[in-house]
Protein backbone atom coordinates (compact mmCIF):
# COMPACT_ATOMS: atom_id res chain seq x y z
CA MET A 1 0.19 -0.05 0.00
CA THR A 2 2.69 2.35 0.75
CA ALA A 3 4.33 1.64 -2.89
CA ALA A 4 1.01 2.37 -4.25
CA PHE A 5 0.93 5.25 -2.32
CA ALA A 6 4.23 6.84 -3.22
CA ALA A 7 3.16 6.07 -7.03
CA SER A 8 0.05 7.82 -6.84
CA ALA A 9 1.53 10.88 -5.35
CA LEU A 10 4.41 11.00 -8.38
CA VAL A 11 1.45 10.97 -10.63
CA ALA A 12 -0.22 13.72 -8.75
CA GLY A 13 2.81 15.69 -8.63
CA PRO A 14 3.38 18.18 -5.95
CA PRO A 15 0.55 19.84 -4.08
CA ALA A 16 0.09 23.42 -5.88
CA PRO A 17 1.38 26.11 -3.62
CA ARG A 18 -1.13 28.16 -1.78
CA THR A 19 -1.54 31.76 -2.98
CA ARG A 20 -2.70 34.59 -0.40
CA PRO A 21 -5.54 36.55 -1.63
CA TRP A 22 -5.13 39.87 -2.84
CA PRO A 23 -6.26 42.29 0.01
CA LEU A 24 -8.03 44.70 -2.55
CA PRO A 25 -10.78 44.24 -5.22
CA LEU A 26 -9.78 43.96 -8.76
CA GLY A 27 -11.40 47.33 -9.25
CA LEU A 28 -9.47 49.26 -6.83
CA THR A 29 -6.22 47.77 -7.66
CA GLY A 30 -5.64 50.22 -10.75
CA LEU A 31 -5.95 53.14 -8.29
CA ILE A 32 -3.19 52.25 -6.34
CA VAL A 33 -0.47 54.04 -8.78
CA PRO A 34 -2.34 57.38 -9.34
CA VAL A 35 -3.14 57.59 -5.62
CA SER A 36 0.42 56.89 -4.79
CA LEU A 37 1.75 59.81 -7.20
CA ALA A 38 -0.67 62.05 -6.20
CA VAL A 39 0.73 61.60 -2.46
CA LEU A 40 4.37 61.47 -3.47
CA LEU A 41 3.56 64.92 -5.13
CA GLU A 42 1.60 66.33 -2.38
CA VAL A 43 4.67 65.36 0.05
CA LEU A 44 6.97 66.88 -2.11
CA ALA A 45 5.21 70.30 -2.40
CA VAL A 46 4.44 70.33 1.45
CA SER A 47 8.39 69.85 2.09
CA GLY A 48 9.52 72.40 -0.15
CA LEU A 49 11.15 70.05 -2.78
CA TRP A 50 8.90 70.80 -5.63
CA GLN A 51 8.21 74.17 -6.69
CA HIS A 52 4.51 73.83 -7.53
CA ARG A 53 3.91 77.44 -8.97
CA LEU A 54 3.17 76.46 -12.58
CA VAL A 55 2.40 72.55 -11.40
CA PRO A 56 -0.21 73.01 -9.16
CA THR A 57 -0.80 70.24 -6.12
CA PRO A 58 -2.87 67.43 -5.98
CA SER A 59 -4.66 69.17 -3.25
CA ALA A 60 -5.23 72.10 -5.31
CA VAL A 61 -6.51 70.36 -8.21
CA ALA A 62 -9.02 69.10 -5.76
CA ALA A 63 -10.10 72.02 -4.37
CA GLU A 64 -10.65 73.42 -7.99
CA LEU A 65 -12.83 70.37 -8.47
CA ALA A 66 -15.01 71.16 -5.55
CA LEU A 67 -15.04 74.65 -6.37
CA LEU A 68 -16.50 73.57 -10.06
CA TRP A 69 -18.86 71.08 -8.42
CA HIS A 70 -20.39 73.76 -5.94
CA SER A 71 -20.79 76.20 -8.38
CA GLY A 72 -22.83 73.74 -10.71
CA GLU A 73 -20.17 74.10 -13.68
CA LEU A 74 -18.81 70.83 -13.18
CA ILE A 75 -21.98 69.02 -14.25
CA SER A 76 -22.87 71.33 -16.89
CA HIS A 77 -19.32 71.29 -18.62
CA THR A 78 -19.39 67.53 -18.18
CA LEU A 79 -22.63 66.89 -19.57
CA ALA A 80 -21.64 69.20 -22.47
CA THR A 81 -18.74 67.20 -23.38
CA LEU A 82 -20.36 63.68 -22.90
CA ALA A 83 -23.37 64.69 -25.38
CA ARG A 84 -20.97 65.39 -27.99
CA VAL A 85 -18.71 62.56 -27.46
CA ALA A 86 -21.82 60.32 -27.34
CA THR A 87 -23.46 61.56 -30.66
CA GLY A 88 -20.10 61.92 -32.32
CA PHE A 89 -19.01 58.19 -31.44
CA ALA A 90 -22.50 56.93 -32.52
CA ILE A 91 -22.34 58.62 -35.93
CA GLY A 92 -18.97 57.29 -36.42
CA THR A 93 -19.34 53.60 -35.69
CA ALA A 94 -22.31 53.31 -37.47
CA ALA A 95 -20.98 54.99 -40.39
CA ALA A 96 -17.61 52.83 -40.20
CA THR A 97 -19.30 49.44 -39.57
CA ALA A 98 -21.26 50.06 -42.86
CA LEU A 99 -18.07 50.93 -44.81
CA GLY A 100 -16.30 48.09 -43.05
CA ILE A 101 -18.78 45.47 -43.86
CA LEU A 102 -18.87 47.07 -47.74
CA THR A 103 -14.98 47.14 -47.95
CA GLY A 104 -14.47 43.85 -46.32
CA THR A 105 -16.92 41.48 -48.02
CA GLN A 106 -16.30 43.41 -51.57
CA PRO A 107 -12.77 43.23 -53.01
CA LEU A 108 -13.42 45.94 -55.78
CA VAL A 109 -14.62 48.15 -53.59
CA PHE A 110 -11.95 47.57 -51.19
CA ARG A 111 -9.50 48.01 -53.58
CA LEU A 112 -11.32 51.09 -54.76
CA LEU A 113 -11.92 53.08 -51.20
CA ASP A 114 -9.67 51.72 -48.94
CA PRO A 115 -6.41 53.60 -50.15
CA THR A 116 -8.51 56.92 -49.66
CA VAL A 117 -9.63 55.80 -46.08
CA GLN A 118 -6.00 55.25 -45.22
CA ALA A 119 -4.71 58.32 -46.76
CA LEU A 120 -7.50 60.19 -44.97
CA ARG A 121 -6.52 58.40 -41.54
CA ALA A 122 -3.06 59.97 -41.51
CA ILE A 123 -4.47 63.55 -41.22
CA PRO A 124 -3.91 64.99 -37.64
CA SER A 125 -7.35 65.94 -36.01
CA ILE A 126 -6.27 69.55 -35.76
CA ALA A 127 -5.97 69.60 -39.23
CA TRP A 128 -9.76 69.17 -39.60
CA VAL A 129 -10.71 72.11 -37.61
CA PRO A 130 -10.21 74.64 -40.18
CA LEU A 131 -12.37 72.73 -42.71
CA PHE A 132 -14.85 71.82 -40.62
CA VAL A 133 -15.48 75.15 -39.47
CA LEU A 134 -15.61 76.49 -42.67
CA TRP A 135 -18.07 74.12 -43.92
CA LEU A 136 -20.28 73.60 -40.53
CA GLY A 137 -19.52 76.48 -38.65
CA ILE A 138 -18.27 76.88 -35.25
CA PHE A 139 -21.44 75.31 -33.60
CA GLU A 140 -22.16 71.97 -32.71
CA ALA A 141 -22.37 70.17 -35.92
CA SER A 142 -18.43 70.79 -36.47
CA LYS A 143 -17.62 69.58 -32.95
CA VAL A 144 -19.86 66.28 -33.74
CA ALA A 145 -18.37 65.73 -37.03
CA LEU A 146 -14.88 65.93 -35.91
CA ILE A 147 -15.64 63.72 -32.88
CA ALA A 148 -17.32 61.29 -35.36
CA LEU A 149 -14.21 61.34 -37.74
CA GLY A 150 -12.06 60.07 -34.72
CA ALA A 151 -14.05 57.37 -33.60
CA PHE A 152 -14.78 56.08 -37.35
CA PHE A 153 -11.31 55.03 -38.20
CA PRO A 154 -10.57 52.06 -35.59
CA VAL A 155 -13.86 50.69 -36.47
CA TYR A 156 -13.44 50.49 -40.30
CA LEU A 157 -9.82 49.53 -39.84
CA ALA A 158 -11.17 46.49 -37.57
CA LEU A 159 -13.75 45.22 -40.14
CA ALA A 160 -12.07 46.33 -43.53
CA THR A 161 -8.80 43.94 -42.44
CA THR A 162 -10.45 41.17 -40.72
CA LEU A 163 -13.29 40.47 -42.34
CA PRO A 164 -11.29 39.56 -46.06
CA ARG A 165 -9.14 36.99 -43.42
CA THR A 166 -12.32 34.83 -42.18
CA ASP A 167 -11.49 31.34 -42.31
CA ARG A 168 -11.98 30.08 -45.96
CA GLY A 169 -13.28 26.58 -44.39
CA LEU A 170 -15.95 28.28 -42.63
CA ILE A 171 -16.86 29.77 -45.85
CA GLU A 172 -16.81 26.90 -47.80
CA LEU A 173 -18.80 24.96 -45.43
CA GLY A 174 -21.50 27.62 -45.78
CA ARG A 175 -21.44 27.56 -49.31
CA ALA A 176 -21.67 23.46 -49.18
CA PHE A 177 -24.88 24.58 -46.96
CA GLY A 178 -26.30 26.53 -49.87
CA MET A 179 -25.93 29.99 -48.27
CA GLY A 180 -25.74 32.95 -50.14
CA LYS A 181 -23.72 36.20 -50.14
CA LEU A 182 -25.99 37.81 -47.48
CA ALA A 183 -26.08 34.57 -45.33
CA LEU A 184 -22.56 33.96 -45.52
CA THR A 185 -22.01 37.59 -44.47
CA VAL A 186 -24.56 37.63 -41.42
CA LYS A 187 -23.81 33.91 -40.19
CA ILE A 188 -19.95 33.60 -40.60
CA LEU A 189 -18.33 36.66 -41.88
CA LEU A 190 -19.83 39.10 -39.20
CA PRO A 191 -19.69 36.81 -36.15
CA ALA A 192 -16.22 35.61 -37.07
CA ALA A 193 -15.19 39.42 -37.30
CA LEU A 194 -17.00 40.48 -33.78
CA PRO A 195 -13.99 39.90 -31.69
CA ALA A 196 -12.02 42.67 -33.88
CA TRP A 197 -14.78 44.80 -34.16
CA THR A 198 -15.36 45.14 -30.45
CA THR A 199 -11.43 45.91 -30.09
CA GLY A 200 -12.27 48.62 -32.93
CA VAL A 201 -15.09 50.23 -31.18
CA ARG A 202 -13.11 50.61 -27.91
CA GLY A 203 -10.60 52.20 -29.60
CA GLY A 204 -12.92 54.64 -31.71
CA LEU A 205 -14.33 55.55 -28.28
CA GLY A 206 -10.88 56.37 -26.96
CA LEU A 207 -10.38 58.38 -30.12
CA ALA A 208 -13.45 60.26 -29.45
CA TRP A 209 -12.44 61.54 -26.31
CA MET A 210 -9.00 62.77 -28.00
CA PHE A 211 -11.08 64.18 -30.77
CA VAL A 212 -13.57 66.12 -28.47
CA VAL A 213 -10.60 68.33 -26.98
CA ALA A 214 -9.92 69.55 -30.35
CA ALA A 215 -13.43 70.11 -31.14
CA GLU A 216 -14.17 72.10 -28.04
CA LEU A 217 -11.67 74.10 -28.95
CA MET A 218 -13.65 75.57 -31.80
CA GLY A 219 -15.30 78.25 -30.09
CA ALA A 220 -17.19 75.88 -27.85
CA SER A 221 -18.91 78.06 -24.41
CA GLU A 222 -19.20 74.91 -22.27
CA GLY A 223 -17.55 71.51 -22.11
CA LEU A 224 -14.27 70.30 -20.52
CA GLY A 225 -12.23 71.37 -23.27
CA TYR A 226 -13.68 75.24 -22.77
CA LEU A 227 -11.95 74.63 -19.27
CA LEU A 228 -9.05 74.07 -20.76
CA THR A 229 -8.90 77.08 -22.82
CA ASP A 230 -10.51 79.37 -19.91
CA GLY A 231 -7.29 78.00 -17.55
CA GLN A 232 -5.20 79.01 -20.00
CA GLN A 233 -6.44 82.38 -20.58
CA ALA A 234 -6.83 83.22 -17.04
CA GLY A 235 -3.46 82.00 -16.06
CA ARG A 236 -5.31 79.02 -13.43
CA PRO A 237 -3.07 75.83 -14.13
CA GLN A 238 -5.23 74.04 -11.57
CA LEU A 239 -8.17 74.44 -13.62
CA ILE A 240 -6.14 73.02 -16.75
CA LEU A 241 -5.39 69.83 -14.64
CA ALA A 242 -8.56 69.37 -13.13
CA ALA A 243 -10.06 69.25 -16.63
CA ILE A 244 -7.61 66.82 -17.61
CA VAL A 245 -8.23 64.75 -14.52
CA LEU A 246 -12.08 64.99 -15.30
CA PHE A 247 -11.04 63.74 -19.13
CA ALA A 248 -9.03 61.12 -17.70
CA ILE A 249 -11.97 59.47 -15.30
CA LEU A 250 -14.88 59.96 -17.73
CA GLY A 251 -12.56 58.09 -20.78
CA LYS A 252 -11.64 55.29 -18.39
CA LEU A 253 -15.27 55.24 -16.76
CA THR A 254 -16.82 54.90 -20.49
CA ASP A 255 -14.43 52.41 -21.53
CA ALA A 256 -15.14 50.24 -18.78
CA ILE A 257 -18.65 50.42 -19.52
CA ALA A 258 -18.03 49.79 -22.92
CA ALA A 259 -15.79 46.43 -22.18
CA ALA A 260 -18.67 45.34 -20.09
CA LEU A 261 -21.25 45.65 -22.74
CA LEU A 262 -19.36 44.36 -25.62
CA GLY A 263 -17.95 41.45 -23.69
CA ARG A 264 -21.64 40.11 -23.37
CA THR A 265 -21.63 40.08 -27.41
CA LEU A 266 -18.54 37.18 -26.98
CA VAL A 267 -20.30 35.10 -24.58
CA TRP A 268 -21.00 32.85 -27.54
CA GLN A 269 -17.43 32.19 -27.70
CA ASP A 270 -16.69 30.82 -23.98
CA CYS A 271 -19.45 28.47 -25.08
CA ALA A 272 -18.25 27.23 -28.39
């Protein structure tokens, strides 16, 4: 019996090492680095090792955020920016999805349109500002159009490059079952490209937040981009950093929401 027990122990291998549980919830782990940096900068400023005249301390930025909150400006500017990002992102994603499916499933259309789209993708966001102002004015239309342009390219690129690379075996299998072009696209090509599409959507959302800054520099009277301009003109670096912190928080929150919602579309992969 002793020999049999030893043999079974050798087969099973040594017991797995016990790992201590992480003391913080996973959602709070990402706060360790920014909170530590904020505490370090505050300590350096209080000790006099860091001159904070042009780069304000985290406490000064927090005080500026509290001032904006009590005045009601924080809510109004945040909602204005969120509305622009949501509208532009929705328009850009819808247009990119439609054009990406068209170019990704039609080789002739891909050869005709993709070089132009790729050339437009290389143009910096700020270069579109004077053209959109000339075409659409300085009001909401030009701002939404610029944000939509930023959200467009990652989504289009994900579909236009993934759809032509779909496993040929799946396509031949669909044809063997008598599927036409529309059925192949809906039942095989699009599900195969769904993971790349979700990645492109998250990339488009990130660029939408980047483009909204350039958009709100076009004569905006409200929004977080307006706070950046106001802080620069008034010589208030704490207001500029407060707006940057808000951009970071909102961008991270919206990305987390998008990741959670889009992750539900990929549940079928776990069941495959």
